[in-house]
Amino acid sequence: MLDTVHLNPPSLLQEMEEATRAIGFTIGSDYLTGSLLRTLAASKPAGAFLELGTGTGLGTAWLLDGMDTNSRLTTVDRDQRAPALARQFLGDDPRLTCTTMDGVAFIEDARRQNRVFDLIFADMPPGKFERLAETLQLLAPGGIYVVDDLLFQTSWSPEHLPLVSALVQTLERREDLRITKLNWSTGLLLAVKRK
């Protein structure tokens, strides 16, 4: 079995990748991560989804491709340039809300509003390396928390590896979660909140 064959990417993805390369953005979700996100989104009918870190919307496209018509996705990024591509290609989808906001501020606002999500894809420092406990409070019982980019990269700064190690150790110690670590794609960890 080959995990890179017949992934059937979302219809707009090739055009989005070309636009992503044109602006020099190099940290978008890869096909394996995207495929997993799409499958997880499909497992939560009428779900509420949160993506922390829009980037150019590559991960967003995969999530939308797995969602049913009654699901909703909120994607958050503090940057305006890269997420403008997500808005350009995906902004007409009524299931999607693109929010330009600092991730920490979004997490704090969502907590004050008692929002909960069935799936959280944390692809930026807030929600991953910052405000982790608060982010996990936003996860519904039975909800899935997904992080990527956990396998060592030579481009990492010296400070990054300890952040990744601390994140994994923290998630391993939490008794309210069941986790699976995947030495696959960019290095993924899935955590499900126990009911």
N, C-alpha and C. Protein backbone atom coordinates (compact mmCIF):
# COMPACT_ATOMS: atom_id res chain seq x y z
N MET A 1 0.85 -1.18 0.00
CA MET A 1 0.00 0.00 0.00
C MET A 1 0.89 1.24 0.00
N LEU A 2 0.60 2.15 -0.90
CA LEU A 2 1.34 3.41 -0.98
C LEU A 2 0.45 4.54 -0.50
N ASP A 3 0.92 5.26 0.52
CA ASP A 3 0.08 6.30 1.11
C ASP A 3 0.09 7.60 0.34
N THR A 4 0.85 7.69 -0.73
CA THR A 4 0.89 8.92 -1.52
C THR A 4 0.19 8.78 -2.87
N VAL A 5 -0.49 7.66 -3.09
CA VAL A 5 -1.16 7.40 -4.36
C VAL A 5 -2.66 7.57 -4.18
N HIS A 6 -3.31 8.15 -5.17
CA HIS A 6 -4.77 8.32 -5.19
C HIS A 6 -5.27 9.13 -3.99
N LEU A 7 -4.62 10.24 -3.70
CA LEU A 7 -5.07 11.09 -2.60
C LEU A 7 -6.24 11.97 -2.99
N ASN A 8 -6.47 12.16 -4.28
CA ASN A 8 -7.60 12.94 -4.78
C ASN A 8 -7.72 14.29 -4.06
N PRO A 9 -6.78 15.19 -4.29
CA PRO A 9 -6.80 16.48 -3.58
C PRO A 9 -8.01 17.32 -3.96
N PRO A 10 -8.35 18.28 -3.13
CA PRO A 10 -9.46 19.19 -3.45
C PRO A 10 -9.24 19.85 -4.82
N SER A 11 -10.32 20.16 -5.48
CA SER A 11 -10.25 20.63 -6.87
C SER A 11 -9.44 21.91 -7.05
N LEU A 12 -9.44 22.80 -6.09
CA LEU A 12 -8.72 24.07 -6.23
C LEU A 12 -7.27 23.99 -5.78
N LEU A 13 -6.85 22.85 -5.26
CA LEU A 13 -5.56 22.79 -4.58
C LEU A 13 -4.38 23.10 -5.49
N GLN A 14 -4.36 22.58 -6.70
CA GLN A 14 -3.23 22.83 -7.59
C GLN A 14 -3.07 24.32 -7.86
N GLU A 15 -4.16 24.99 -8.16
CA GLU A 15 -4.12 26.43 -8.40
C GLU A 15 -3.68 27.19 -7.14
N MET A 16 -4.14 26.73 -5.98
CA MET A 16 -3.75 27.37 -4.72
C MET A 16 -2.26 27.17 -4.45
N GLU A 17 -1.75 25.98 -4.77
CA GLU A 17 -0.31 25.72 -4.57
C GLU A 17 0.54 26.61 -5.46
N GLU A 18 0.11 26.83 -6.69
CA GLU A 18 0.85 27.71 -7.60
C GLU A 18 0.87 29.13 -7.06
N ALA A 19 -0.27 29.60 -6.57
CA ALA A 19 -0.33 30.95 -6.00
C ALA A 19 0.50 31.04 -4.72
N THR A 20 0.53 29.96 -3.95
CA THR A 20 1.33 29.92 -2.72
C THR A 20 2.81 30.02 -3.04
N ARG A 21 3.26 29.27 -4.04
CA ARG A 21 4.67 29.35 -4.45
C ARG A 21 5.01 30.74 -4.98
N ALA A 22 4.07 31.35 -5.69
CA ALA A 22 4.31 32.67 -6.28
C ALA A 22 4.58 33.74 -5.23
N ILE A 23 4.01 33.60 -4.04
CA ILE A 23 4.28 34.60 -3.00
C ILE A 23 5.42 34.16 -2.06
N GLY A 24 6.02 33.00 -2.36
CA GLY A 24 7.16 32.55 -1.56
C GLY A 24 6.80 31.93 -0.22
N PHE A 25 5.56 31.52 -0.06
CA PHE A 25 5.12 30.89 1.20
C PHE A 25 5.49 29.41 1.13
N THR A 26 6.24 28.93 2.11
CA THR A 26 6.80 27.57 2.02
C THR A 26 6.34 26.63 3.12
N ILE A 27 5.41 27.04 3.98
CA ILE A 27 5.08 26.20 5.13
C ILE A 27 3.63 25.74 5.13
N GLY A 28 3.06 25.52 3.96
CA GLY A 28 1.69 25.03 3.88
C GLY A 28 1.59 23.54 4.19
N SER A 29 0.40 23.09 4.49
CA SER A 29 0.17 21.67 4.80
C SER A 29 0.45 20.81 3.58
N ASP A 30 1.10 19.67 3.80
CA ASP A 30 1.38 18.75 2.70
C ASP A 30 0.17 17.85 2.44
N TYR A 31 0.27 17.03 1.39
CA TYR A 31 -0.86 16.19 0.98
C TYR A 31 -1.23 15.15 2.03
N LEU A 32 -0.25 14.58 2.70
CA LEU A 32 -0.57 13.55 3.69
C LEU A 32 -1.33 14.16 4.87
N THR A 33 -0.83 15.28 5.37
CA THR A 33 -1.54 15.96 6.46
C THR A 33 -2.93 16.37 5.99
N GLY A 34 -3.01 16.92 4.79
CA GLY A 34 -4.30 17.34 4.26
C GLY A 34 -5.27 16.20 4.14
N SER A 35 -4.80 15.07 3.63
CA SER A 35 -5.66 13.90 3.49
C SER A 35 -6.21 13.44 4.85
N LEU A 36 -5.34 13.45 5.85
CA LEU A 36 -5.78 13.07 7.20
C LEU A 36 -6.80 14.08 7.73
N LEU A 37 -6.54 15.36 7.55
CA LEU A 37 -7.50 16.38 8.01
C LEU A 37 -8.86 16.20 7.35
N ARG A 38 -8.85 15.91 6.05
CA ARG A 38 -10.12 15.71 5.34
C ARG A 38 -10.88 14.52 5.92
N THR A 39 -10.18 13.43 6.19
CA THR A 39 -10.82 12.24 6.75
C THR A 39 -11.38 12.52 8.14
N LEU A 40 -10.60 13.22 8.96
CA LEU A 40 -11.07 13.55 10.32
C LEU A 40 -12.29 14.47 10.26
N ALA A 41 -12.27 15.45 9.36
CA ALA A 41 -13.42 16.35 9.22
C ALA A 41 -14.67 15.58 8.81
N ALA A 42 -14.50 14.60 7.94
CA ALA A 42 -15.64 13.79 7.49
C ALA A 42 -16.24 12.96 8.62
N SER A 43 -15.45 12.72 9.68
CA SER A 43 -15.95 11.91 10.79
C SER A 43 -16.82 12.70 11.76
N LYS A 44 -16.96 14.00 11.53
CA LYS A 44 -17.71 14.87 12.45
C LYS A 44 -18.82 15.60 11.71
N PRO A 45 -19.92 14.90 11.38
CA PRO A 45 -21.03 15.57 10.69
C PRO A 45 -21.55 16.74 11.52
N ALA A 46 -21.91 17.81 10.82
CA ALA A 46 -22.42 19.03 11.46
C ALA A 46 -21.43 19.53 12.51
N GLY A 47 -20.14 19.38 12.22
CA GLY A 47 -19.10 19.72 13.18
C GLY A 47 -18.72 21.19 13.17
N ALA A 48 -18.14 21.59 14.29
CA ALA A 48 -17.55 22.92 14.43
C ALA A 48 -16.04 22.72 14.45
N PHE A 49 -15.34 23.32 13.49
CA PHE A 49 -13.91 23.10 13.31
C PHE A 49 -13.15 24.41 13.48
N LEU A 50 -11.94 24.30 14.02
CA LEU A 50 -11.07 25.46 14.21
C LEU A 50 -9.70 25.15 13.65
N GLU A 51 -9.21 26.05 12.82
CA GLU A 51 -7.84 25.96 12.30
C GLU A 51 -7.08 27.18 12.80
N LEU A 52 -6.08 26.93 13.62
CA LEU A 52 -5.23 28.01 14.12
C LEU A 52 -4.00 28.07 13.23
N GLY A 53 -3.97 29.04 12.34
CA GLY A 53 -2.90 29.17 11.36
C GLY A 53 -3.43 28.89 9.97
N THR A 54 -3.98 29.90 9.33
CA THR A 54 -4.57 29.74 7.99
C THR A 54 -3.50 29.51 6.93
N GLY A 55 -2.39 30.24 7.05
CA GLY A 55 -1.43 30.23 5.96
C GLY A 55 -2.11 30.69 4.69
N THR A 56 -1.87 30.01 3.59
CA THR A 56 -2.53 30.36 2.32
C THR A 56 -3.80 29.55 2.09
N GLY A 57 -4.17 28.72 3.07
CA GLY A 57 -5.43 28.00 2.98
C GLY A 57 -5.32 26.58 2.45
N LEU A 58 -4.10 26.03 2.35
CA LEU A 58 -3.98 24.67 1.82
C LEU A 58 -4.64 23.67 2.78
N GLY A 59 -4.35 23.76 4.06
CA GLY A 59 -5.01 22.89 5.05
C GLY A 59 -6.51 23.17 5.09
N THR A 60 -6.86 24.43 4.97
CA THR A 60 -8.27 24.84 4.96
C THR A 60 -9.03 24.12 3.84
N ALA A 61 -8.42 24.07 2.67
CA ALA A 61 -9.06 23.42 1.51
C ALA A 61 -9.33 21.94 1.79
N TRP A 62 -8.37 21.27 2.40
CA TRP A 62 -8.55 19.85 2.73
C TRP A 62 -9.67 19.68 3.77
N LEU A 63 -9.69 20.52 4.79
CA LEU A 63 -10.75 20.43 5.81
C LEU A 63 -12.12 20.63 5.17
N LEU A 64 -12.26 21.67 4.36
CA LEU A 64 -13.54 21.93 3.70
C LEU A 64 -13.96 20.76 2.83
N ASP A 65 -12.99 20.11 2.19
CA ASP A 65 -13.29 18.99 1.29
C ASP A 65 -13.87 17.79 2.06
N GLY A 66 -13.56 17.70 3.35
CA GLY A 66 -14.10 16.60 4.15
C GLY A 66 -15.39 16.94 4.89
N MET A 67 -15.71 18.21 4.99
CA MET A 67 -16.86 18.65 5.78
C MET A 67 -18.18 18.47 5.03
N ASP A 68 -19.24 18.21 5.79
CA ASP A 68 -20.57 18.18 5.19
C ASP A 68 -21.14 19.60 5.13
N THR A 69 -22.31 19.74 4.56
CA THR A 69 -22.89 21.07 4.35
C THR A 69 -23.30 21.74 5.66
N ASN A 70 -23.46 20.99 6.73
CA ASN A 70 -23.88 21.57 8.00
C ASN A 70 -22.71 21.88 8.93
N SER A 71 -21.51 21.60 8.50
CA SER A 71 -20.33 21.89 9.32
C SER A 71 -19.86 23.32 9.09
N ARG A 72 -19.09 23.83 10.07
CA ARG A 72 -18.55 25.18 9.99
C ARG A 72 -17.08 25.16 10.38
N LEU A 73 -16.27 25.94 9.65
CA LEU A 73 -14.84 26.05 9.91
C LEU A 73 -14.47 27.50 10.16
N THR A 74 -13.82 27.74 11.28
CA THR A 74 -13.23 29.05 11.57
C THR A 74 -11.73 28.89 11.44
N THR A 75 -11.11 29.70 10.60
CA THR A 75 -9.67 29.68 10.44
C THR A 75 -9.11 31.02 10.85
N VAL A 76 -8.01 31.00 11.60
CA VAL A 76 -7.47 32.20 12.25
C VAL A 76 -6.01 32.38 11.88
N ASP A 77 -5.64 33.60 11.54
CA ASP A 77 -4.24 33.93 11.31
C ASP A 77 -4.07 35.42 11.58
N ARG A 78 -2.95 35.80 12.15
CA ARG A 78 -2.71 37.22 12.42
C ARG A 78 -2.18 37.93 11.17
N ASP A 79 -1.62 37.18 10.25
CA ASP A 79 -1.08 37.74 9.02
C ASP A 79 -2.22 38.07 8.07
N GLN A 80 -2.00 39.00 7.18
CA GLN A 80 -3.02 39.31 6.18
C GLN A 80 -2.63 38.85 4.78
N ARG A 81 -1.32 38.84 4.50
CA ARG A 81 -0.87 38.55 3.13
C ARG A 81 -1.17 37.12 2.71
N ALA A 82 -0.65 36.13 3.42
CA ALA A 82 -0.86 34.73 3.03
C ALA A 82 -2.34 34.34 3.08
N PRO A 83 -3.06 34.66 4.16
CA PRO A 83 -4.48 34.27 4.19
C PRO A 83 -5.35 34.95 3.12
N ALA A 84 -4.83 36.00 2.50
CA ALA A 84 -5.59 36.61 1.40
C ALA A 84 -5.82 35.60 0.29
N LEU A 85 -4.87 34.67 0.10
CA LEU A 85 -5.07 33.62 -0.91
C LEU A 85 -6.20 32.68 -0.49
N ALA A 86 -6.28 32.36 0.80
CA ALA A 86 -7.37 31.51 1.27
C ALA A 86 -8.71 32.19 0.99
N ARG A 87 -8.78 33.47 1.26
CA ARG A 87 -10.02 34.21 0.99
C ARG A 87 -10.32 34.25 -0.51
N GLN A 88 -9.29 34.44 -1.31
CA GLN A 88 -9.47 34.51 -2.77
C GLN A 88 -10.05 33.21 -3.32
N PHE A 89 -9.51 32.09 -2.88
CA PHE A 89 -9.91 30.80 -3.45
C PHE A 89 -11.09 30.17 -2.73
N LEU A 90 -11.22 30.41 -1.44
CA LEU A 90 -12.20 29.68 -0.63
C LEU A 90 -13.25 30.57 0.02
N GLY A 91 -13.09 31.86 -0.09
CA GLY A 91 -13.92 32.81 0.65
C GLY A 91 -15.39 32.77 0.33
N ASP A 92 -15.78 32.21 -0.81
CA ASP A 92 -17.21 32.13 -1.16
C ASP A 92 -17.90 30.95 -0.51
N ASP A 93 -17.15 30.08 0.16
CA ASP A 93 -17.76 28.92 0.81
C ASP A 93 -18.47 29.37 2.08
N PRO A 94 -19.79 29.20 2.16
CA PRO A 94 -20.53 29.70 3.33
C PRO A 94 -20.20 28.97 4.63
N ARG A 95 -19.51 27.85 4.54
CA ARG A 95 -19.13 27.11 5.76
C ARG A 95 -17.90 27.69 6.42
N LEU A 96 -17.22 28.62 5.75
CA LEU A 96 -15.92 29.11 6.18
C LEU A 96 -15.99 30.54 6.71
N THR A 97 -15.33 30.74 7.87
CA THR A 97 -15.12 32.08 8.41
C THR A 97 -13.62 32.28 8.56
N CYS A 98 -13.08 33.26 7.82
CA CYS A 98 -11.65 33.61 7.92
C CYS A 98 -11.52 34.79 8.87
N THR A 99 -10.70 34.62 9.89
CA THR A 99 -10.54 35.64 10.92
C THR A 99 -9.09 36.10 10.96
N THR A 100 -8.88 37.40 10.81
CA THR A 100 -7.55 37.98 10.97
C THR A 100 -7.45 38.49 12.40
N MET A 101 -6.65 37.76 13.20
CA MET A 101 -6.58 38.07 14.62
C MET A 101 -5.39 37.33 15.21
N ASP A 102 -4.80 37.89 16.22
CA ASP A 102 -3.75 37.19 16.95
C ASP A 102 -4.34 35.92 17.54
N GLY A 103 -3.59 34.82 17.44
CA GLY A 103 -4.09 33.54 17.92
C GLY A 103 -4.40 33.52 19.41
N VAL A 104 -3.55 34.14 20.22
CA VAL A 104 -3.79 34.19 21.67
C VAL A 104 -5.09 34.93 21.95
N ALA A 105 -5.28 36.07 21.30
CA ALA A 105 -6.51 36.85 21.50
C ALA A 105 -7.74 36.05 21.07
N PHE A 106 -7.63 35.30 19.96
CA PHE A 106 -8.76 34.49 19.51
C PHE A 106 -9.10 33.42 20.55
N ILE A 107 -8.09 32.72 21.05
CA ILE A 107 -8.31 31.66 22.03
C ILE A 107 -8.98 32.23 23.27
N GLU A 108 -8.50 33.36 23.75
CA GLU A 108 -9.09 33.98 24.94
C GLU A 108 -10.53 34.40 24.68
N ASP A 109 -10.81 35.00 23.52
CA ASP A 109 -12.18 35.39 23.17
C ASP A 109 -13.10 34.17 23.08
N ALA A 110 -12.61 33.13 22.44
CA ALA A 110 -13.43 31.91 22.29
C ALA A 110 -13.75 31.31 23.65
N ARG A 111 -12.80 31.33 24.56
CA ARG A 111 -13.06 30.82 25.92
C ARG A 111 -14.12 31.66 26.63
N ARG A 112 -14.02 32.99 26.51
CA ARG A 112 -15.02 33.87 27.15
C ARG A 112 -16.41 33.61 26.59
N GLN A 113 -16.47 33.24 25.31
CA GLN A 113 -17.76 32.99 24.67
C GLN A 113 -18.23 31.54 24.84
N ASN A 114 -17.43 30.74 25.57
CA ASN A 114 -17.75 29.32 25.80
C ASN A 114 -17.92 28.54 24.49
N ARG A 115 -17.11 28.88 23.50
CA ARG A 115 -17.17 28.15 22.23
C ARG A 115 -16.50 26.79 22.41
N VAL A 116 -16.98 25.81 21.67
CA VAL A 116 -16.36 24.49 21.65
C VAL A 116 -16.26 24.03 20.20
N PHE A 117 -15.25 23.21 19.95
CA PHE A 117 -14.98 22.73 18.60
C PHE A 117 -14.82 21.22 18.61
N ASP A 118 -15.28 20.60 17.53
CA ASP A 118 -15.17 19.15 17.38
C ASP A 118 -13.82 18.72 16.85
N LEU A 119 -13.11 19.65 16.22
CA LEU A 119 -11.77 19.39 15.72
C LEU A 119 -11.00 20.70 15.77
N ILE A 120 -9.80 20.65 16.31
CA ILE A 120 -8.91 21.80 16.32
C ILE A 120 -7.60 21.39 15.66
N PHE A 121 -7.25 22.08 14.59
CA PHE A 121 -5.96 21.88 13.92
C PHE A 121 -5.08 23.06 14.31
N ALA A 122 -4.11 22.81 15.18
CA ALA A 122 -3.23 23.86 15.68
C ALA A 122 -1.96 23.89 14.84
N ASP A 123 -1.85 24.88 13.99
CA ASP A 123 -0.72 24.99 13.07
C ASP A 123 -0.04 26.34 13.19
N MET A 124 -0.05 26.89 14.39
CA MET A 124 0.66 28.13 14.71
C MET A 124 1.03 28.07 16.18
N PRO A 125 1.97 28.88 16.64
CA PRO A 125 2.37 28.78 18.06
C PRO A 125 1.22 28.89 19.06
N PRO A 126 0.33 29.90 18.96
CA PRO A 126 -0.82 29.88 19.87
C PRO A 126 -1.71 28.67 19.57
N GLY A 127 -2.01 27.94 20.61
CA GLY A 127 -2.78 26.71 20.46
C GLY A 127 -1.92 25.47 20.40
N LYS A 128 -0.62 25.70 20.25
CA LYS A 128 0.33 24.60 20.11
C LYS A 128 1.42 24.75 21.17
N PHE A 129 2.18 25.81 21.09
CA PHE A 129 3.25 26.06 22.04
C PHE A 129 2.86 27.12 23.07
N GLU A 130 1.82 27.86 22.80
CA GLU A 130 1.32 28.89 23.71
C GLU A 130 -0.17 28.62 23.93
N ARG A 131 -0.62 28.83 25.13
CA ARG A 131 -2.05 28.70 25.48
C ARG A 131 -2.61 27.32 25.14
N LEU A 132 -1.79 26.29 25.35
CA LEU A 132 -2.24 24.92 25.04
C LEU A 132 -3.41 24.51 25.93
N ALA A 133 -3.29 24.72 27.23
CA ALA A 133 -4.37 24.31 28.15
C ALA A 133 -5.67 25.02 27.80
N GLU A 134 -5.57 26.31 27.50
CA GLU A 134 -6.78 27.07 27.14
C GLU A 134 -7.37 26.57 25.83
N THR A 135 -6.52 26.21 24.89
CA THR A 135 -7.00 25.68 23.60
C THR A 135 -7.72 24.36 23.81
N LEU A 136 -7.17 23.51 24.64
CA LEU A 136 -7.80 22.21 24.88
C LEU A 136 -9.13 22.36 25.62
N GLN A 137 -9.32 23.47 26.33
CA GLN A 137 -10.62 23.73 26.94
C GLN A 137 -11.69 23.99 25.88
N LEU A 138 -11.26 24.40 24.69
CA LEU A 138 -12.19 24.66 23.59
C LEU A 138 -12.60 23.37 22.87
N LEU A 139 -11.97 22.27 23.20
CA LEU A 139 -12.23 21.00 22.51
C LEU A 139 -13.43 20.30 23.15
N ALA A 140 -14.40 19.95 22.33
CA ALA A 140 -15.59 19.26 22.81
C ALA A 140 -15.24 17.84 23.27
N PRO A 141 -16.01 17.26 24.17
CA PRO A 141 -15.81 15.85 24.49
C PRO A 141 -15.92 15.01 23.22
N GLY A 142 -14.96 14.13 23.02
CA GLY A 142 -14.90 13.36 21.78
C GLY A 142 -14.25 14.11 20.64
N GLY A 143 -13.85 15.36 20.90
CA GLY A 143 -13.22 16.18 19.87
C GLY A 143 -11.78 15.78 19.63
N ILE A 144 -11.29 16.14 18.45
CA ILE A 144 -9.94 15.76 18.02
C ILE A 144 -9.06 17.01 17.93
N TYR A 145 -7.91 16.93 18.56
CA TYR A 145 -6.89 17.97 18.50
C TYR A 145 -5.75 17.44 17.63
N VAL A 146 -5.36 18.20 16.61
CA VAL A 146 -4.34 17.76 15.66
C VAL A 146 -3.23 18.80 15.60
N VAL A 147 -1.97 18.33 15.72
CA VAL A 147 -0.81 19.19 15.49
C VAL A 147 0.11 18.50 14.49
N ASP A 148 0.78 19.31 13.70
CA ASP A 148 1.73 18.77 12.73
C ASP A 148 3.09 19.42 12.93
N ASP A 149 4.01 19.12 12.04
CA ASP A 149 5.37 19.69 12.07
C ASP A 149 6.12 19.34 13.34
N LEU A 150 6.03 18.08 13.76
CA LEU A 150 6.70 17.65 14.99
C LEU A 150 7.98 16.87 14.72
N LEU A 151 8.27 16.53 13.46
CA LEU A 151 9.53 15.86 13.13
C LEU A 151 10.61 16.90 12.91
N PHE A 152 11.81 16.62 13.42
CA PHE A 152 12.91 17.57 13.37
C PHE A 152 13.18 18.04 11.95
N GLN A 153 13.40 19.33 11.82
CA GLN A 153 13.77 19.96 10.55
C GLN A 153 15.07 20.72 10.76
N THR A 154 15.96 20.66 9.79
CA THR A 154 17.24 21.38 9.92
C THR A 154 17.03 22.89 9.96
N SER A 155 15.88 23.36 9.51
CA SER A 155 15.60 24.80 9.51
C SER A 155 15.14 25.30 10.89
N TRP A 156 14.91 24.38 11.83
CA TRP A 156 14.45 24.80 13.15
C TRP A 156 15.51 25.64 13.86
N SER A 157 15.05 26.63 14.59
CA SER A 157 15.96 27.39 15.45
C SER A 157 16.32 26.52 16.66
N PRO A 158 17.40 26.84 17.38
CA PRO A 158 17.78 26.05 18.55
C PRO A 158 16.68 26.00 19.63
N GLU A 159 15.82 27.02 19.66
CA GLU A 159 14.76 27.07 20.67
C GLU A 159 13.56 26.20 20.33
N HIS A 160 13.46 25.76 19.07
CA HIS A 160 12.24 25.08 18.63
C HIS A 160 12.13 23.64 19.14
N LEU A 161 13.20 22.89 19.11
CA LEU A 161 13.15 21.49 19.54
C LEU A 161 12.65 21.34 20.98
N PRO A 162 13.11 22.14 21.94
CA PRO A 162 12.55 22.03 23.30
C PRO A 162 11.05 22.33 23.36
N LEU A 163 10.56 23.22 22.49
CA LEU A 163 9.12 23.51 22.46
C LEU A 163 8.34 22.28 22.01
N VAL A 164 8.83 21.61 20.97
CA VAL A 164 8.17 20.41 20.46
C VAL A 164 8.19 19.31 21.53
N SER A 165 9.33 19.11 22.16
CA SER A 165 9.45 18.07 23.20
C SER A 165 8.50 18.36 24.35
N ALA A 166 8.44 19.61 24.78
CA ALA A 166 7.56 19.98 25.90
C ALA A 166 6.09 19.77 25.52
N LEU A 167 5.73 20.11 24.29
CA LEU A 167 4.35 19.92 23.82
C LEU A 167 3.96 18.45 23.89
N VAL A 168 4.79 17.60 23.32
CA VAL A 168 4.49 16.16 23.30
C VAL A 168 4.40 15.61 24.72
N GLN A 169 5.34 15.98 25.58
CA GLN A 169 5.32 15.49 26.96
C GLN A 169 4.08 15.96 27.71
N THR A 170 3.69 17.20 27.49
CA THR A 170 2.48 17.73 28.14
C THR A 170 1.25 16.95 27.70
N LEU A 171 1.14 16.70 26.41
CA LEU A 171 -0.02 15.96 25.90
C LEU A 171 -0.01 14.52 26.39
N GLU A 172 1.17 13.91 26.50
CA GLU A 172 1.27 12.54 27.00
C GLU A 172 0.80 12.43 28.45
N ARG A 173 1.01 13.47 29.23
CA ARG A 173 0.66 13.43 30.66
C ARG A 173 -0.81 13.71 30.94
N ARG A 174 -1.51 14.27 30.00
CA ARG A 174 -2.91 14.66 30.26
C ARG A 174 -3.80 13.42 30.31
N GLU A 175 -4.50 13.27 31.41
CA GLU A 175 -5.37 12.11 31.59
C GLU A 175 -6.72 12.25 30.88
N ASP A 176 -7.05 13.46 30.45
CA ASP A 176 -8.32 13.68 29.76
C ASP A 176 -8.20 13.45 28.26
N LEU A 177 -7.01 13.08 27.80
CA LEU A 177 -6.78 12.87 26.36
C LEU A 177 -6.29 11.46 26.09
N ARG A 178 -6.60 10.97 24.92
CA ARG A 178 -6.00 9.76 24.38
C ARG A 178 -5.27 10.19 23.12
N ILE A 179 -3.97 9.89 23.05
CA ILE A 179 -3.17 10.42 21.94
C ILE A 179 -2.57 9.31 21.09
N THR A 180 -2.30 9.68 19.85
CA THR A 180 -1.54 8.84 18.94
C THR A 180 -0.52 9.73 18.24
N LYS A 181 0.74 9.30 18.29
CA LYS A 181 1.83 10.02 17.61
C LYS A 181 2.13 9.30 16.30
N LEU A 182 2.23 10.06 15.24
CA LEU A 182 2.47 9.50 13.91
C LEU A 182 3.80 10.01 13.36
N ASN A 183 4.74 9.10 13.20
CA ASN A 183 6.04 9.43 12.60
C ASN A 183 5.86 9.37 11.09
N TRP A 184 5.09 10.30 10.57
CA TRP A 184 4.57 10.26 9.21
C TRP A 184 4.31 11.69 8.77
N SER A 185 4.39 11.94 7.49
CA SER A 185 4.21 13.29 6.97
C SER A 185 5.24 14.19 7.65
N THR A 186 4.81 15.27 8.26
CA THR A 186 5.74 16.19 8.95
C THR A 186 5.87 15.87 10.44
N GLY A 187 5.25 14.78 10.86
CA GLY A 187 5.21 14.43 12.28
C GLY A 187 3.93 14.96 12.87
N LEU A 188 3.00 14.06 13.14
CA LEU A 188 1.66 14.45 13.59
C LEU A 188 1.36 13.86 14.96
N LEU A 189 0.52 14.55 15.68
CA LEU A 189 -0.01 14.02 16.93
C LEU A 189 -1.50 14.30 16.94
N LEU A 190 -2.28 13.25 17.22
CA LEU A 190 -3.73 13.37 17.35
C LEU A 190 -4.09 13.10 18.80
N ALA A 191 -4.95 13.92 19.34
CA ALA A 191 -5.42 13.72 20.71
C ALA A 191 -6.94 13.83 20.70
N VAL A 192 -7.60 12.90 21.37
CA VAL A 192 -9.06 12.93 21.49
C VAL A 192 -9.41 13.15 22.95
N LYS A 193 -10.30 14.11 23.19
CA LYS A 193 -10.73 14.40 24.55
C LYS A 193 -11.74 13.35 24.99
N ARG A 194 -11.46 12.74 26.11
CA ARG A 194 -12.36 11.71 26.64
C ARG A 194 -13.65 12.36 27.10
N LYS A 195 -14.74 11.61 26.93
CA LYS A 195 -16.07 12.11 27.34
C LYS A 195 -16.25 11.99 28.82
